[in-house]
Amino acid sequence: GTPVRLAMRPEEVRTRGIGAETPNRFEATIG
């Protein structure tokens, strides 16, 4: 329930080798 700020480097976003068991996978639109 604690509000937090989540941060991540742009180069850490994975686009390859993503399977059904890969954590934190989702679909996104390229802007």
PDB file of all heavy atoms in Angstrom:
ATOM      1  N   GLY A   1       0.785  -1.215   0.000  1.00  0.00           N
ATOM      2  CA  GLY A   1       0.000   0.000   0.000  1.00  0.00           C
ATOM      3  C   GLY A   1       0.819   1.268   0.000  1.00  0.00           C
ATOM      4  O   GLY A   1       0.268   2.369  -0.108  1.00  0.00           O
ATOM      5  N   THR A   2       2.158   1.143   0.111  1.00  0.00           N
ATOM      6  CA  THR A   2       3.029   2.317   0.154  1.00  0.00           C
ATOM      7  C   THR A   2       3.224   2.896  -1.245  1.00  0.00           C
ATOM      8  O   THR A   2       3.581   2.166  -2.173  1.00  0.00           O
ATOM      9  CB  THR A   2       4.410   1.952   0.728  1.00  0.00           C
ATOM     10  OG1 THR A   2       4.251   1.384   2.023  1.00  0.00           O
ATOM     11  CG2 THR A   2       5.301   3.186   0.810  1.00  0.00           C
ATOM     12  N   PRO A   3       2.989   4.208  -1.419  1.00  0.00           N
ATOM     13  CA  PRO A   3       3.318   4.830  -2.707  1.00  0.00           C
ATOM     14  C   PRO A   3       4.839   4.895  -2.886  1.00  0.00           C
ATOM     15  O   PRO A   3       5.554   5.294  -1.963  1.00  0.00           O
ATOM     16  CB  PRO A   3       2.724   6.242  -2.592  1.00  0.00           C
ATOM     17  CG  PRO A   3       1.835   6.206  -1.402  1.00  0.00           C
ATOM     18  CD  PRO A   3       2.384   5.169  -0.488  1.00  0.00           C
ATOM     19  N   VAL A   4       5.335   4.531  -4.044  1.00  0.00           N
ATOM     20  CA  VAL A   4       6.772   4.545  -4.318  1.00  0.00           C
ATOM     21  C   VAL A   4       7.000   5.094  -5.726  1.00  0.00           C
ATOM     22  O   VAL A   4       6.065   5.270  -6.512  1.00  0.00           O
ATOM     23  CB  VAL A   4       7.390   3.133  -4.216  1.00  0.00           C
ATOM     24  CG1 VAL A   4       7.325   2.619  -2.790  1.00  0.00           C
ATOM     25  CG2 VAL A   4       6.714   2.165  -5.185  1.00  0.00           C
ATOM     26  N   ARG A   5       8.267   5.367  -6.005  1.00  0.00           N
ATOM     27  CA  ARG A   5       8.678   5.713  -7.366  1.00  0.00           C
ATOM     28  C   ARG A   5       9.497   4.558  -7.909  1.00  0.00           C
ATOM     29  O   ARG A   5      10.461   4.108  -7.283  1.00  0.00           O
ATOM     30  CB  ARG A   5       9.490   7.003  -7.377  1.00  0.00           C
ATOM     31  CG  ARG A   5       8.733   8.226  -6.895  1.00  0.00           C
ATOM     32  CD  ARG A   5       9.547   9.479  -7.131  1.00  0.00           C
ATOM     33  NE  ARG A   5       9.509   9.877  -8.532  1.00  0.00           N
ATOM     34  CZ  ARG A   5      10.334  10.785  -9.070  1.00  0.00           C
ATOM     35  NH1 ARG A   5      11.272  11.338  -8.325  1.00  0.00           N
ATOM     36  NH2 ARG A   5      10.224  11.112 -10.337  1.00  0.00           N
ATOM     37  N   LEU A   6       9.120   4.102  -9.069  1.00  0.00           N
ATOM     38  CA  LEU A   6       9.811   3.013  -9.739  1.00  0.00           C
ATOM     39  C   LEU A   6      10.671   3.621 -10.844  1.00  0.00           C
ATOM     40  O   LEU A   6      10.228   4.508 -11.574  1.00  0.00           O
ATOM     41  CB  LEU A   6       8.793   2.039 -10.332  1.00  0.00           C
ATOM     42  CG  LEU A   6       9.308   0.661 -10.768  1.00  0.00           C
ATOM     43  CD1 LEU A   6       9.788  -0.121  -9.566  1.00  0.00           C
ATOM     44  CD2 LEU A   6       8.200  -0.103 -11.491  1.00  0.00           C
ATOM     45  N   ALA A   7      11.899   3.154 -10.968  1.00  0.00           N
ATOM     46  CA  ALA A   7      12.815   3.733 -11.951  1.00  0.00           C
ATOM     47  C   ALA A   7      13.533   2.628 -12.711  1.00  0.00           C
ATOM     48  O   ALA A   7      13.833   1.565 -12.157  1.00  0.00           O
ATOM     49  CB  ALA A   7      13.835   4.645 -11.258  1.00  0.00           C
ATOM     50  N   MET A   8      13.841   2.915 -14.001  1.00  0.00           N
ATOM     51  CA  MET A   8      14.533   1.930 -14.819  1.00  0.00           C
ATOM     52  C   MET A   8      15.283   2.622 -15.949  1.00  0.00           C
ATOM     53  O   MET A   8      14.811   3.616 -16.506  1.00  0.00           O
ATOM     54  CB  MET A   8      13.549   0.916 -15.410  1.00  0.00           C
ATOM     55  CG  MET A   8      14.249  -0.290 -16.027  1.00  0.00           C
ATOM     56  SD  MET A   8      13.087  -1.441 -16.759  1.00  0.00           S
ATOM     57  CE  MET A   8      12.526  -0.471 -18.128  1.00  0.00           C
ATOM     58  N   ARG A   9      16.468   2.096 -16.284  1.00  0.00           N
ATOM     59  CA  ARG A   9      17.251   2.604 -17.398  1.00  0.00           C
ATOM     60  C   ARG A   9      16.618   2.178 -18.725  1.00  0.00           C
ATOM     61  O   ARG A   9      16.170   1.029 -18.855  1.00  0.00           O
ATOM     62  CB  ARG A   9      18.684   2.067 -17.335  1.00  0.00           C
ATOM     63  CG  ARG A   9      19.434   2.367 -16.046  1.00  0.00           C
ATOM     64  CD  ARG A   9      19.951   3.758 -16.022  1.00  0.00           C
ATOM     65  NE  ARG A   9      20.747   4.040 -14.823  1.00  0.00           N
ATOM     66  CZ  ARG A   9      20.977   5.257 -14.386  1.00  0.00           C
ATOM     67  NH1 ARG A   9      20.484   6.309 -15.040  1.00  0.00           N
ATOM     68  NH2 ARG A   9      21.698   5.450 -13.295  1.00  0.00           N
ATOM     69  N   PRO A  10      16.626   3.049 -19.735  1.00  0.00           N
ATOM     70  CA  PRO A  10      16.021   2.699 -21.026  1.00  0.00           C
ATOM     71  C   PRO A  10      16.661   1.487 -21.692  1.00  0.00           C
ATOM     72  O   PRO A  10      15.979   0.719 -22.381  1.00  0.00           O
ATOM     73  CB  PRO A  10      16.234   3.961 -21.873  1.00  0.00           C
ATOM     74  CG  PRO A  10      16.392   5.060 -20.891  1.00  0.00           C
ATOM     75  CD  PRO A  10      17.060   4.453 -19.701  1.00  0.00           C
ATOM     76  N   GLU A  11      17.974   1.291 -21.478  1.00  0.00           N
ATOM     77  CA  GLU A  11      18.639   0.171 -22.143  1.00  0.00           C
ATOM     78  C   GLU A  11      18.291  -1.174 -21.516  1.00  0.00           C
ATOM     79  O   GLU A  11      18.626  -2.237 -22.069  1.00  0.00           O
ATOM     80  CB  GLU A  11      20.168   0.356 -22.117  1.00  0.00           C
ATOM     81  CG  GLU A  11      20.806   0.296 -20.754  1.00  0.00           C
ATOM     82  CD  GLU A  11      20.912   1.648 -20.078  1.00  0.00           C
ATOM     83  OE1 GLU A  11      20.155   2.561 -20.457  1.00  0.00           O
ATOM     84  OE2 GLU A  11      21.760   1.790 -19.177  1.00  0.00           O
ATOM     85  N   GLU A  12      17.591  -1.163 -20.358  1.00  0.00           N
ATOM     86  CA  GLU A  12      17.243  -2.412 -19.695  1.00  0.00           C
ATOM     87  C   GLU A  12      15.950  -3.029 -20.228  1.00  0.00           C
ATOM     88  O   GLU A  12      15.611  -4.165 -19.878  1.00  0.00           O
ATOM     89  CB  GLU A  12      17.113  -2.182 -18.180  1.00  0.00           C
ATOM     90  CG  GLU A  12      18.398  -1.751 -17.494  1.00  0.00           C
ATOM     91  CD  GLU A  12      19.390  -2.889 -17.353  1.00  0.00           C
ATOM     92  OE1 GLU A  12      19.088  -4.022 -17.778  1.00  0.00           O
ATOM     93  OE2 GLU A  12      20.494  -2.640 -16.823  1.00  0.00           O
ATOM     94  N   VAL A  13      15.199  -2.304 -21.044  1.00  0.00           N
ATOM     95  CA  VAL A  13      13.964  -2.852 -21.604  1.00  0.00           C
ATOM     96  C   VAL A  13      14.314  -3.991 -22.557  1.00  0.00           C
ATOM     97  O   VAL A  13      15.094  -3.817 -23.494  1.00  0.00           O
ATOM     98  CB  VAL A  13      13.156  -1.764 -22.339  1.00  0.00           C
ATOM     99  CG1 VAL A  13      11.907  -2.372 -22.982  1.00  0.00           C
ATOM    100  CG2 VAL A  13      12.754  -0.653 -21.373  1.00  0.00           C
ATOM    101  N   ARG A  14      13.752  -5.166 -22.321  1.00  0.00           N
ATOM    102  CA  ARG A  14      14.040  -6.336 -23.156  1.00  0.00           C
ATOM    103  C   ARG A  14      13.049  -6.445 -24.307  1.00  0.00           C
ATOM    104  O   ARG A  14      11.840  -6.241 -24.129  1.00  0.00           O
ATOM    105  CB  ARG A  14      13.988  -7.619 -22.325  1.00  0.00           C
ATOM    106  CG  ARG A  14      15.144  -7.799 -21.374  1.00  0.00           C
ATOM    107  CD  ARG A  14      15.057  -9.135 -20.661  1.00  0.00           C
ATOM    108  NE  ARG A  14      14.999 -10.257 -21.609  1.00  0.00           N
ATOM    109  CZ  ARG A  14      14.785 -11.519 -21.239  1.00  0.00           C
ATOM    110  NH1 ARG A  14      14.577 -11.820 -19.963  1.00  0.00           N
ATOM    111  NH2 ARG A  14      14.759 -12.477 -22.145  1.00  0.00           N
ATOM    112  N   THR A  15      13.577  -6.798 -25.476  1.00  0.00           N
ATOM    113  CA  THR A  15      12.715  -7.008 -26.646  1.00  0.00           C
ATOM    114  C   THR A  15      12.948  -8.375 -27.287  1.00  0.00           C
ATOM    115  O   THR A  15      12.209  -8.757 -28.188  1.00  0.00           O
ATOM    116  CB  THR A  15      12.986  -5.926 -27.712  1.00  0.00           C
ATOM    117  OG1 THR A  15      14.379  -5.939 -28.061  1.00  0.00           O
ATOM    118  CG2 THR A  15      12.602  -4.546 -27.206  1.00  0.00           C
ATOM    119  N   ARG A  16      13.963  -9.097 -26.829  1.00  0.00           N
ATOM    120  CA  ARG A  16      14.285 -10.400 -27.408  1.00  0.00           C
ATOM    121  C   ARG A  16      14.264 -11.478 -26.331  1.00  0.00           C
ATOM    122  O   ARG A  16      14.435 -11.196 -25.144  1.00  0.00           O
ATOM    123  CB  ARG A  16      15.674 -10.379 -28.053  1.00  0.00           C
ATOM    124  CG  ARG A  16      15.886  -9.279 -29.077  1.00  0.00           C
ATOM    125  CD  ARG A  16      17.280  -9.422 -29.665  1.00  0.00           C
ATOM    126  NE  ARG A  16      17.728  -8.251 -30.387  1.00  0.00           N
ATOM    127  CZ  ARG A  16      18.191  -8.249 -31.625  1.00  0.00           C
ATOM    128  NH1 ARG A  16      18.243  -9.382 -32.306  1.00  0.00           N
ATOM    129  NH2 ARG A  16      18.598  -7.137 -32.200  1.00  0.00           N
ATOM    130  N   GLY A  17      14.097 -12.713 -26.774  1.00  0.00           N
ATOM    131  CA  GLY A  17      14.151 -13.855 -25.860  1.00  0.00           C
ATOM    132  C   GLY A  17      13.076 -13.819 -24.798  1.00  0.00           C
ATOM    133  O   GLY A  17      13.299 -14.266 -23.673  1.00  0.00           O
ATOM    134  N   ILE A  18      11.910 -13.301 -25.114  1.00  0.00           N
ATOM    135  CA  ILE A  18      10.817 -13.199 -24.152  1.00  0.00           C
ATOM    136  C   ILE A  18       9.876 -14.383 -24.339  1.00  0.00           C
ATOM    137  O   ILE A  18       9.331 -14.594 -25.434  1.00  0.00           O
ATOM    138  CB  ILE A  18      10.054 -11.873 -24.323  1.00  0.00           C
ATOM    139  CG1 ILE A  18      11.006 -10.687 -24.120  1.00  0.00           C
ATOM    140  CG2 ILE A  18       8.877 -11.794 -23.355  1.00  0.00           C
ATOM    141  CD1 ILE A  18      10.380  -9.349 -24.438  1.00  0.00           C
ATOM    142  N   GLY A  19       9.710 -15.183 -23.293  1.00  0.00           N
ATOM    143  CA  GLY A  19       8.818 -16.335 -23.339  1.00  0.00           C
ATOM    144  C   GLY A  19       7.655 -16.179 -22.389  1.00  0.00           C
ATOM    145  O   GLY A  19       7.513 -15.165 -21.699  1.00  0.00           O
ATOM    146  N   ALA A  20       6.841 -17.233 -22.326  1.00  0.00           N
ATOM    147  CA  ALA A  20       5.634 -17.182 -21.495  1.00  0.00           C
ATOM    148  C   ALA A  20       5.976 -17.045 -20.015  1.00  0.00           C
ATOM    149  O   ALA A  20       5.188 -16.499 -19.233  1.00  0.00           O
ATOM    150  CB  ALA A  20       4.799 -18.443 -21.723  1.00  0.00           C
ATOM    151  N   GLU A  21       7.163 -17.516 -19.608  1.00  0.00           N
ATOM    152  CA  GLU A  21       7.548 -17.470 -18.197  1.00  0.00           C
ATOM    153  C   GLU A  21       8.383 -16.234 -17.852  1.00  0.00           C
ATOM    154  O   GLU A  21       8.791 -16.059 -16.704  1.00  0.00           O
ATOM    155  CB  GLU A  21       8.344 -18.729 -17.837  1.00  0.00           C
ATOM    156  CG  GLU A  21       7.595 -20.036 -18.079  1.00  0.00           C
ATOM    157  CD  GLU A  21       6.284 -20.089 -17.300  1.00  0.00           C
ATOM    158  OE1 GLU A  21       6.298 -19.694 -16.112  1.00  0.00           O
ATOM    159  OE2 GLU A  21       5.268 -20.492 -17.875  1.00  0.00           O
ATOM    160  N   THR A  22       8.663 -15.386 -18.834  1.00  0.00           N
ATOM    161  CA  THR A  22       9.470 -14.187 -18.579  1.00  0.00           C
ATOM    162  C   THR A  22       8.706 -13.233 -17.665  1.00  0.00           C
ATOM    163  O   THR A  22       7.568 -12.858 -17.976  1.00  0.00           O
ATOM    164  CB  THR A  22       9.821 -13.473 -19.890  1.00  0.00           C
ATOM    165  OG1 THR A  22      10.520 -14.373 -20.749  1.00  0.00           O
ATOM    166  CG2 THR A  22      10.682 -12.247 -19.629  1.00  0.00           C
ATOM    167  N   PRO A  23       9.285 -12.831 -16.541  1.00  0.00           N
ATOM    168  CA  PRO A  23       8.567 -11.904 -15.650  1.00  0.00           C
ATOM    169  C   PRO A  23       8.435 -10.519 -16.278  1.00  0.00           C
ATOM    170  O   PRO A  23       9.245 -10.119 -17.108  1.00  0.00           O
ATOM    171  CB  PRO A  23       9.451 -11.866 -14.399  1.00  0.00           C
ATOM    172  CG  PRO A  23      10.814 -12.241 -14.875  1.00  0.00           C
ATOM    173  CD  PRO A  23      10.610 -13.206 -16.005  1.00  0.00           C
ATOM    174  N   ASN A  24       7.379  -9.834 -15.866  1.00  0.00           N
ATOM    175  CA  ASN A  24       7.161  -8.432 -16.253  1.00  0.00           C
ATOM    176  C   ASN A  24       7.049  -8.251 -17.762  1.00  0.00           C
ATOM    177  O   ASN A  24       7.499  -7.249 -18.317  1.00  0.00           O
ATOM    178  CB  ASN A  24       8.290  -7.537 -15.699  1.00  0.00           C
ATOM    179  CG  ASN A  24       8.382  -7.587 -14.191  1.00  0.00           C
ATOM    180  OD1 ASN A  24       7.422  -7.892 -13.495  1.00  0.00           O
ATOM    181  ND2 ASN A  24       9.562  -7.280 -13.665  1.00  0.00           N
ATOM    182  N   ARG A  25       6.442  -9.221 -18.445  1.00  0.00           N
ATOM    183  CA  ARG A  25       6.231  -9.080 -19.887  1.00  0.00           C
ATOM    184  C   ARG A  25       4.871  -8.433 -20.139  1.00  0.00           C
ATOM    185  O   ARG A  25       3.897  -8.669 -19.415  1.00  0.00           O
ATOM    186  CB  ARG A  25       6.319 -10.434 -20.593  1.00  0.00           C
ATOM    187  CG  ARG A  25       5.273 -11.428 -20.167  1.00  0.00           C
ATOM    188  CD  ARG A  25       5.544 -12.816 -20.754  1.00  0.00           C
ATOM    189  NE  ARG A  25       5.382 -12.867 -22.181  1.00  0.00           N
ATOM    190  CZ  ARG A  25       4.248 -13.167 -22.806  1.00  0.00           C
ATOM    191  NH1 ARG A  25       3.144 -13.419 -22.087  1.00  0.00           N
ATOM    192  NH2 ARG A  25       4.190 -13.213 -24.110  1.00  0.00           N
ATOM    193  N   PHE A  26       4.822  -7.579 -21.140  1.00  0.00           N
ATOM    194  CA  PHE A  26       3.565  -6.926 -21.506  1.00  0.00           C
ATOM    195  C   PHE A  26       3.689  -6.391 -22.927  1.00  0.00           C
ATOM    196  O   PHE A  26       4.778  -6.337 -23.501  1.00  0.00           O
ATOM    197  CB  PHE A  26       3.226  -5.787 -20.533  1.00  0.00           C
ATOM    198  CG  PHE A  26       4.253  -4.692 -20.497  1.00  0.00           C
ATOM    199  CD1 PHE A  26       4.128  -3.549 -21.283  1.00  0.00           C
ATOM    200  CD2 PHE A  26       5.356  -4.786 -19.653  1.00  0.00           C
ATOM    201  CE1 PHE A  26       5.068  -2.542 -21.242  1.00  0.00           C
ATOM    202  CE2 PHE A  26       6.313  -3.771 -19.591  1.00  0.00           C
ATOM    203  CZ  PHE A  26       6.166  -2.659 -20.393  1.00  0.00           C
ATOM    204  N   GLU A  27       2.565  -6.017 -23.488  1.00  0.00           N
ATOM    205  CA  GLU A  27       2.567  -5.435 -24.822  1.00  0.00           C
ATOM    206  C   GLU A  27       2.553  -3.916 -24.721  1.00  0.00           C
ATOM    207  O   GLU A  27       1.930  -3.336 -23.819  1.00  0.00           O
ATOM    208  CB  GLU A  27       1.354  -5.923 -25.624  1.00  0.00           C
ATOM    209  CG  GLU A  27       1.439  -7.386 -26.016  1.00  0.00           C
ATOM    210  CD  GLU A  27       0.357  -7.768 -27.018  1.00  0.00           C
ATOM    211  OE1 GLU A  27      -0.674  -7.048 -27.094  1.00  0.00           O
ATOM    212  OE2 GLU A  27       0.535  -8.778 -27.735  1.00  0.00           O
ATOM    213  N   ALA A  28       3.252  -3.299 -25.654  1.00  0.00           N
ATOM    214  CA  ALA A  28       3.327  -1.839 -25.661  1.00  0.00           C
ATOM    215  C   ALA A  28       3.404  -1.345 -27.096  1.00  0.00           C
ATOM    216  O   ALA A  28       3.925  -2.034 -27.988  1.00  0.00           O
ATOM    217  CB  ALA A  28       4.544  -1.366 -24.879  1.00  0.00           C
ATOM    218  N   THR A  29       2.911  -0.144 -27.304  1.00  0.00           N
ATOM    219  CA  THR A  29       2.971   0.501 -28.618  1.00  0.00           C
ATOM    220  C   THR A  29       4.217   1.357 -28.712  1.00  0.00           C
ATOM    221  O   THR A  29       4.524   2.126 -27.792  1.00  0.00           O
ATOM    222  CB  THR A  29       1.726   1.377 -28.847  1.00  0.00           C
ATOM    223  OG1 THR A  29       0.555   0.559 -28.741  1.00  0.00           O
ATOM    224  CG2 THR A  29       1.762   2.033 -30.221  1.00  0.00           C
ATOM    225  N   ILE A  30       4.954   1.213 -29.813  1.00  0.00           N
ATOM    226  CA  ILE A  30       6.148   2.019 -30.045  1.00  0.00           C
ATOM    227  C   ILE A  30       5.713   3.438 -30.406  1.00  0.00           C
ATOM    228  O   ILE A  30       4.978   3.643 -31.379  1.00  0.00           O
ATOM    229  CB  ILE A  30       7.013   1.441 -31.181  1.00  0.00           C
ATOM    230  CG1 ILE A  30       7.353  -0.029 -30.916  1.00  0.00           C
ATOM    231  CG2 ILE A  30       8.274   2.287 -31.366  1.00  0.00           C
ATOM    232  CD1 ILE A  30       8.260  -0.266 -29.765  1.00  0.00           C
ATOM    233  N   GLY A  31       6.175   4.412 -29.626  1.00  0.00           N
ATOM    234  CA  GLY A  31       5.841   5.803 -29.911  1.00  0.00           C
ATOM    235  C   GLY A  31       6.920   6.465 -30.755  1.00  0.00           C
ATOM    236  O   GLY A  31       7.512   5.837 -31.633  1.00  0.00           O
TER     237      GLY A  31
END
